[in-house]
N, C-alpha and C. Protein backbone atom coordinates (compact mmCIF):
# COMPACT_ATOMS: atom_id res chain seq x y z
N GLN A 1 17.32 -11.45 0.22
CA GLN A 1 16.11 -11.25 0.82
C GLN A 1 15.79 -9.83 0.32
N VAL A 2 14.22 -10.27 0.61
CA VAL A 2 13.40 -9.09 -0.11
C VAL A 2 13.56 -7.75 0.60
N GLN A 3 13.33 -6.92 -0.22
CA GLN A 3 13.06 -5.36 0.45
C GLN A 3 11.91 -4.85 -0.21
N LEU A 4 11.23 -4.15 0.60
CA LEU A 4 10.00 -3.19 -0.13
C LEU A 4 10.27 -1.97 0.77
N VAL A 5 10.42 -0.87 -0.17
CA VAL A 5 10.81 0.70 0.20
C VAL A 5 9.38 1.44 0.01
N GLU A 6 8.97 1.80 0.77
CA GLU A 6 7.93 2.66 0.33
C GLU A 6 8.34 4.01 0.37
N SER A 7 7.57 5.24 -0.44
CA SER A 7 7.65 6.52 -0.17
C SER A 7 6.51 7.39 -0.90
N GLY A 8 6.51 8.94 -0.54
CA GLY A 8 5.12 9.10 -1.17
C GLY A 8 4.56 10.01 0.00
N GLY A 9 4.79 9.47 1.09
CA GLY A 9 3.85 10.05 2.29
C GLY A 9 4.10 11.65 2.56
N GLY A 10 3.34 11.98 3.31
CA GLY A 10 3.32 13.47 3.84
C GLY A 10 2.24 13.91 4.10
N LEU A 11 2.31 15.23 4.57
CA LEU A 11 1.32 16.00 5.17
C LEU A 11 0.06 16.61 3.82
N VAL A 12 -1.27 16.25 3.88
CA VAL A 12 -2.13 16.98 2.81
C VAL A 12 -3.34 17.27 3.50
N GLN A 13 -3.83 18.32 2.87
CA GLN A 13 -5.06 18.73 3.44
C GLN A 13 -6.33 17.91 3.01
N ALA A 14 -7.43 18.06 3.67
CA ALA A 14 -8.67 16.85 3.48
C ALA A 14 -8.86 17.37 2.06
N GLY A 15 -9.40 16.18 1.22
CA GLY A 15 -9.93 16.50 -0.08
C GLY A 15 -8.72 16.23 -1.15
N GLY A 16 -7.36 16.41 -0.68
CA GLY A 16 -6.21 16.24 -1.59
C GLY A 16 -5.88 14.82 -1.80
N SER A 17 -4.85 14.98 -2.61
CA SER A 17 -4.52 13.49 -3.12
C SER A 17 -2.62 13.19 -2.65
N LEU A 18 -2.45 11.94 -2.35
CA LEU A 18 -1.34 11.43 -2.60
C LEU A 18 -1.00 10.46 -3.36
N ARG A 19 -0.23 10.18 -3.87
CA ARG A 19 0.28 8.47 -4.54
C ARG A 19 1.54 8.15 -3.63
N LEU A 20 1.49 6.90 -3.03
CA LEU A 20 2.59 6.47 -2.46
C LEU A 20 2.97 5.18 -3.45
N SER A 21 4.32 4.86 -3.46
CA SER A 21 5.03 3.97 -3.79
C SER A 21 5.68 2.86 -3.21
N CYS A 22 5.88 1.71 -4.01
CA CYS A 22 6.59 0.63 -3.02
C CYS A 22 7.64 -0.12 -4.07
N VAL A 23 8.73 0.04 -3.85
CA VAL A 23 9.43 -0.56 -4.68
C VAL A 23 9.99 -1.89 -4.19
N ALA A 24 10.19 -2.82 -4.82
CA ALA A 24 10.31 -4.32 -4.54
C ALA A 24 11.87 -4.66 -4.97
N SER A 25 12.55 -5.33 -4.30
CA SER A 25 13.80 -5.78 -4.66
C SER A 25 13.59 -7.08 -5.27
N GLY A 26 12.81 -6.91 -6.74
CA GLY A 26 12.30 -7.85 -7.78
C GLY A 26 11.21 -7.68 -8.31
N SER A 27 11.20 -8.83 -9.21
CA SER A 27 9.87 -8.40 -9.67
C SER A 27 8.72 -8.61 -8.93
N ILE A 28 7.70 -7.62 -9.13
CA ILE A 28 6.50 -7.70 -8.29
C ILE A 28 5.64 -8.96 -8.92
N PHE A 29 5.79 -9.40 -9.70
CA PHE A 29 4.89 -10.71 -10.58
C PHE A 29 5.97 -11.86 -9.46
N SER A 30 6.36 -11.73 -9.08
CA SER A 30 7.19 -12.91 -8.23
C SER A 30 6.43 -13.23 -6.81
N PHE A 31 5.64 -12.43 -6.75
CA PHE A 31 4.72 -12.36 -5.38
C PHE A 31 3.43 -12.44 -5.92
N ASN A 32 2.57 -13.35 -4.88
CA ASN A 32 1.28 -13.96 -5.23
C ASN A 32 0.44 -12.63 -4.93
N TYR A 33 0.76 -11.89 -4.03
CA TYR A 33 -0.10 -11.01 -3.47
C TYR A 33 0.76 -9.56 -2.93
N MET A 34 0.34 -8.49 -3.20
CA MET A 34 0.86 -7.27 -2.84
C MET A 34 -0.12 -6.35 -2.39
N GLY A 35 0.03 -5.68 -1.41
CA GLY A 35 -0.78 -4.63 -1.33
C GLY A 35 -0.34 -3.43 0.15
N TRP A 36 -1.10 -2.68 0.26
CA TRP A 36 -1.22 -1.75 1.29
C TRP A 36 -1.77 -1.75 2.79
N TYR A 37 -1.27 -1.76 3.49
CA TYR A 37 -2.03 -1.71 4.97
C TYR A 37 -1.55 -0.44 5.66
N ARG A 38 -2.37 -0.07 6.88
CA ARG A 38 -2.43 1.10 7.37
C ARG A 38 -2.42 0.99 8.78
N GLN A 39 -1.87 1.47 10.04
CA GLN A 39 -1.88 1.75 11.08
C GLN A 39 -1.84 3.30 11.87
N ALA A 40 -3.04 3.59 12.32
CA ALA A 40 -3.28 4.78 12.79
C ALA A 40 -3.01 4.71 14.28
N PRO A 41 -2.68 5.88 15.02
CA PRO A 41 -2.12 5.92 16.45
C PRO A 41 -3.34 5.23 17.46
N GLY A 42 -2.93 3.85 18.22
CA GLY A 42 -3.66 3.45 18.92
C GLY A 42 -4.65 2.58 18.24
N LYS A 43 -4.36 2.49 17.12
CA LYS A 43 -5.20 1.24 16.53
C LYS A 43 -4.63 0.35 15.81
N GLN A 44 -5.18 -0.91 15.41
CA GLN A 44 -4.47 -2.23 14.86
C GLN A 44 -4.20 -1.83 13.59
N ARG A 45 -3.24 -2.40 12.90
CA ARG A 45 -2.91 -2.45 11.36
C ARG A 45 -4.05 -3.05 10.81
N GLU A 46 -4.47 -2.38 9.45
CA GLU A 46 -5.72 -2.81 8.83
C GLU A 46 -5.47 -2.94 7.51
N LEU A 47 -5.93 -3.77 6.72
CA LEU A 47 -5.94 -3.73 5.10
C LEU A 47 -6.44 -2.63 4.52
N VAL A 48 -5.63 -1.87 3.50
CA VAL A 48 -6.42 -0.88 2.77
C VAL A 48 -6.65 -1.55 1.49
N ALA A 49 -5.74 -1.98 0.69
CA ALA A 49 -5.79 -2.34 -0.63
C ALA A 49 -4.80 -3.64 -0.93
N THR A 50 -5.26 -4.51 -1.51
CA THR A 50 -4.41 -5.83 -2.19
C THR A 50 -4.67 -5.95 -3.79
N MET A 51 -3.64 -6.55 -4.03
CA MET A 51 -3.53 -6.91 -5.66
C MET A 51 -2.96 -8.29 -5.70
N THR A 52 -3.41 -9.10 -6.65
CA THR A 52 -2.79 -10.34 -6.93
C THR A 52 -1.91 -10.55 -7.88
N SER A 53 -1.23 -11.23 -8.25
CA SER A 53 -0.42 -11.30 -9.62
C SER A 53 -1.02 -11.10 -10.77
N VAL A 54 -2.19 -11.63 -10.50
CA VAL A 54 -2.84 -11.65 -12.01
C VAL A 54 -3.99 -10.30 -12.06
N GLY A 55 -3.74 -9.35 -11.05
CA GLY A 55 -4.37 -7.99 -11.14
C GLY A 55 -5.85 -7.78 -10.48
N ILE A 56 -5.94 -8.88 -9.81
CA ILE A 56 -7.62 -9.12 -9.00
C ILE A 56 -7.21 -8.13 -7.58
N THR A 57 -7.90 -7.10 -7.42
CA THR A 57 -7.67 -5.85 -6.58
C THR A 57 -8.77 -6.25 -5.57
N ASN A 58 -8.43 -5.55 -4.34
CA ASN A 58 -9.44 -5.66 -3.30
C ASN A 58 -9.33 -4.69 -2.42
N TYR A 59 -10.35 -3.94 -2.05
CA TYR A 59 -10.14 -2.55 -1.00
C TYR A 59 -10.83 -2.46 0.41
N ALA A 60 -10.95 -1.90 1.14
CA ALA A 60 -11.35 -1.98 2.59
C ALA A 60 -12.55 -1.19 2.09
N ASP A 61 -13.62 -1.47 2.73
CA ASP A 61 -14.98 -0.45 2.39
C ASP A 61 -14.50 0.91 2.51
N SER A 62 -13.78 1.67 3.77
CA SER A 62 -13.73 2.84 3.85
C SER A 62 -12.92 3.52 2.51
N VAL A 63 -12.08 2.76 2.07
CA VAL A 63 -11.48 3.40 0.67
C VAL A 63 -11.92 3.47 -0.58
N LYS A 64 -12.96 2.52 -0.69
CA LYS A 64 -13.63 2.07 -2.20
C LYS A 64 -13.71 3.31 -2.56
N GLY A 65 -13.49 3.51 -3.99
CA GLY A 65 -13.90 4.67 -4.73
C GLY A 65 -12.80 5.89 -4.44
N ARG A 66 -12.24 5.72 -3.70
CA ARG A 66 -11.31 6.83 -3.29
C ARG A 66 -9.74 6.63 -3.52
N PHE A 67 -9.25 5.46 -3.16
CA PHE A 67 -8.07 4.87 -3.17
C PHE A 67 -7.87 3.83 -4.68
N THR A 68 -6.73 3.88 -5.06
CA THR A 68 -6.49 2.93 -6.28
C THR A 68 -5.12 2.12 -6.10
N ILE A 69 -5.30 1.02 -5.96
CA ILE A 69 -3.81 0.25 -6.29
C ILE A 69 -3.23 -0.06 -7.51
N SER A 70 -2.25 -0.09 -7.74
CA SER A 70 -1.67 -0.40 -9.28
C SER A 70 -0.40 -1.03 -9.17
N GLY A 71 0.36 -1.69 -10.23
CA GLY A 71 1.59 -2.16 -10.78
C GLY A 71 2.29 -1.68 -11.58
N ASP A 72 3.39 -1.60 -11.54
CA ASP A 72 4.28 -1.51 -12.68
C ASP A 72 5.65 -2.55 -12.69
N ASN A 73 5.54 -3.74 -13.50
CA ASN A 73 6.48 -4.52 -13.22
C ASN A 73 7.78 -4.10 -13.56
N ALA A 74 8.12 -3.33 -14.62
CA ALA A 74 9.28 -2.81 -15.21
C ALA A 74 9.83 -1.90 -14.68
N LYS A 75 9.20 -1.56 -13.20
CA LYS A 75 9.73 -0.63 -12.21
C LYS A 75 9.75 -1.11 -10.79
N ASN A 76 9.07 -2.82 -10.70
CA ASN A 76 9.10 -3.28 -9.72
C ASN A 76 8.47 -2.73 -8.59
N THR A 77 7.29 -1.83 -8.55
CA THR A 77 6.69 -0.80 -7.98
C THR A 77 5.22 -0.99 -8.11
N VAL A 78 4.65 -1.02 -6.93
CA VAL A 78 3.38 -1.00 -6.69
C VAL A 78 2.83 0.29 -6.01
N TYR A 79 1.61 0.83 -6.59
CA TYR A 79 1.49 2.54 -6.28
C TYR A 79 0.36 2.46 -5.35
N LEU A 80 -0.24 3.33 -4.62
CA LEU A 80 -1.61 3.69 -3.95
C LEU A 80 -1.83 4.95 -4.13
N GLN A 81 -2.74 5.12 -5.21
CA GLN A 81 -3.10 6.50 -5.65
C GLN A 81 -4.20 6.86 -4.50
N MET A 82 -4.34 7.99 -3.34
CA MET A 82 -5.24 8.12 -2.94
C MET A 82 -5.88 9.40 -3.18
N ASN A 83 -6.86 9.58 -3.25
CA ASN A 83 -8.02 10.79 -3.92
C ASN A 83 -9.05 10.93 -2.59
N SER A 84 -9.15 12.25 -2.50
CA SER A 84 -10.53 12.81 -1.64
C SER A 84 -10.04 12.22 -0.05
N LEU A 85 -8.66 12.60 0.08
CA LEU A 85 -8.35 12.25 1.53
C LEU A 85 -9.12 12.77 2.85
N LYS A 86 -9.22 11.89 3.80
CA LYS A 86 -9.82 12.38 4.98
C LYS A 86 -8.83 12.29 6.15
N PRO A 87 -9.47 13.26 7.27
CA PRO A 87 -8.31 13.06 8.39
C PRO A 87 -8.43 11.45 8.87
N GLU A 88 -9.27 11.05 8.73
CA GLU A 88 -9.45 9.67 9.13
C GLU A 88 -8.56 8.43 8.35
N ASP A 89 -7.88 9.14 7.40
CA ASP A 89 -7.03 8.32 6.46
C ASP A 89 -5.23 8.46 7.22
N THR A 90 -5.43 9.03 8.22
CA THR A 90 -4.09 9.44 8.85
C THR A 90 -3.75 8.26 9.47
N ALA A 91 -2.26 7.81 8.98
CA ALA A 91 -1.62 6.49 9.21
C ALA A 91 -0.41 6.26 8.85
N VAL A 92 0.18 5.28 9.38
CA VAL A 92 1.63 4.85 8.98
C VAL A 92 1.08 3.64 7.67
N TYR A 93 1.62 4.14 6.52
CA TYR A 93 0.82 2.86 5.49
C TYR A 93 2.35 2.31 5.19
N TYR A 94 1.99 0.72 5.24
CA TYR A 94 3.07 -0.19 4.98
C TYR A 94 2.84 -0.94 3.81
N CYS A 95 3.98 -1.27 3.02
CA CYS A 95 3.94 -2.09 1.92
C CYS A 95 3.98 -3.57 2.08
N TYR A 96 3.24 -4.52 1.52
CA TYR A 96 3.16 -5.83 2.33
C TYR A 96 3.18 -6.74 0.76
N ALA A 97 3.88 -7.78 0.96
CA ALA A 97 4.02 -8.86 -0.18
C ALA A 97 4.19 -10.10 -0.04
N LEU A 98 3.39 -11.02 -0.38
CA LEU A 98 3.58 -12.64 -0.04
C LEU A 98 3.69 -13.22 -0.91
N ARG A 99 4.92 -14.25 -0.96
CA ARG A 99 5.08 -15.46 -1.92
C ARG A 99 5.14 -16.62 -1.45
N SER A 100 4.44 -17.51 -2.18
CA SER A 100 3.90 -18.77 -1.79
C SER A 100 4.59 -19.70 -2.90
N THR A 101 5.60 -20.41 -2.33
CA THR A 101 6.21 -21.40 -3.28
C THR A 101 6.15 -22.77 -2.46
N THR A 102 7.39 -23.44 -2.06
CA THR A 102 7.05 -24.47 -1.10
C THR A 102 6.64 -24.13 0.37
N ARG A 103 6.92 -22.83 0.60
CA ARG A 103 6.30 -22.42 1.93
C ARG A 103 5.96 -20.82 1.72
N VAL A 104 5.26 -20.61 2.82
CA VAL A 104 4.37 -19.35 2.37
C VAL A 104 5.46 -18.15 3.01
N THR A 105 5.98 -17.03 2.54
CA THR A 105 6.62 -16.07 3.28
C THR A 105 6.23 -14.75 2.96
N ASP A 106 6.12 -14.10 3.89
CA ASP A 106 5.31 -12.39 3.70
C ASP A 106 6.70 -11.81 4.26
N TYR A 107 6.46 -10.45 3.52
CA TYR A 107 7.38 -9.49 3.62
C TYR A 107 6.59 -8.00 4.11
N TRP A 108 7.36 -6.93 4.69
CA TRP A 108 6.83 -5.45 5.35
C TRP A 108 7.70 -4.63 4.83
N GLY A 109 7.46 -3.56 4.57
CA GLY A 109 8.05 -2.48 4.38
C GLY A 109 8.29 -1.59 5.55
N LYS A 110 8.76 -0.68 5.88
CA LYS A 110 9.19 0.05 7.21
C LYS A 110 7.71 0.97 7.34
N GLY A 111 7.09 1.37 6.14
CA GLY A 111 6.35 2.38 6.44
C GLY A 111 6.41 3.69 5.79
N THR A 112 5.25 4.25 5.55
CA THR A 112 5.31 5.75 5.17
C THR A 112 4.37 6.61 5.84
N LEU A 113 4.90 7.66 6.68
CA LEU A 113 3.22 8.34 7.30
C LEU A 113 2.80 9.56 6.09
N VAL A 114 1.37 9.04 6.46
CA VAL A 114 0.48 9.97 5.76
C VAL A 114 -0.39 10.88 6.70
N THR A 115 -0.27 12.12 6.72
CA THR A 115 -1.11 12.88 7.82
C THR A 115 -2.08 13.86 7.03
N VAL A 116 -3.31 13.64 7.37
CA VAL A 116 -4.23 14.27 6.21
C VAL A 116 -4.98 15.50 7.21
N SER A 117 -4.82 16.74 7.28
CA SER A 117 -5.38 17.68 8.06
C SER A 117 -6.63 18.12 7.92
N SER A 118 -7.33 18.74 8.79
CA SER A 118 -8.79 18.89 8.42
C SER A 118 -9.19 20.51 8.30
């Protein structure tokens, strides 16, 4: 059973930075696609940033230039570096992974809360 465990959330002032980590129970290269999603109170879950197994990245327009997704296969970890944080970035951030073999299976972490104060 694949597990994704997030950490690094917390309270930060606007303009500050945080780095989220997602540790996977296995090589991150075993997933076709990993990423970060977020869900703010009263809103739907939305994509923040994704990365394929060959390193192609994609970002939501709202975070481009401020957030960076990266991976360290030696540590089975995917990171989300978040700079210039804004109050509207406040949300629970979820790690996501997709594996496609004979079937497509996706996995979610339990989330980590990021709160940005103004």
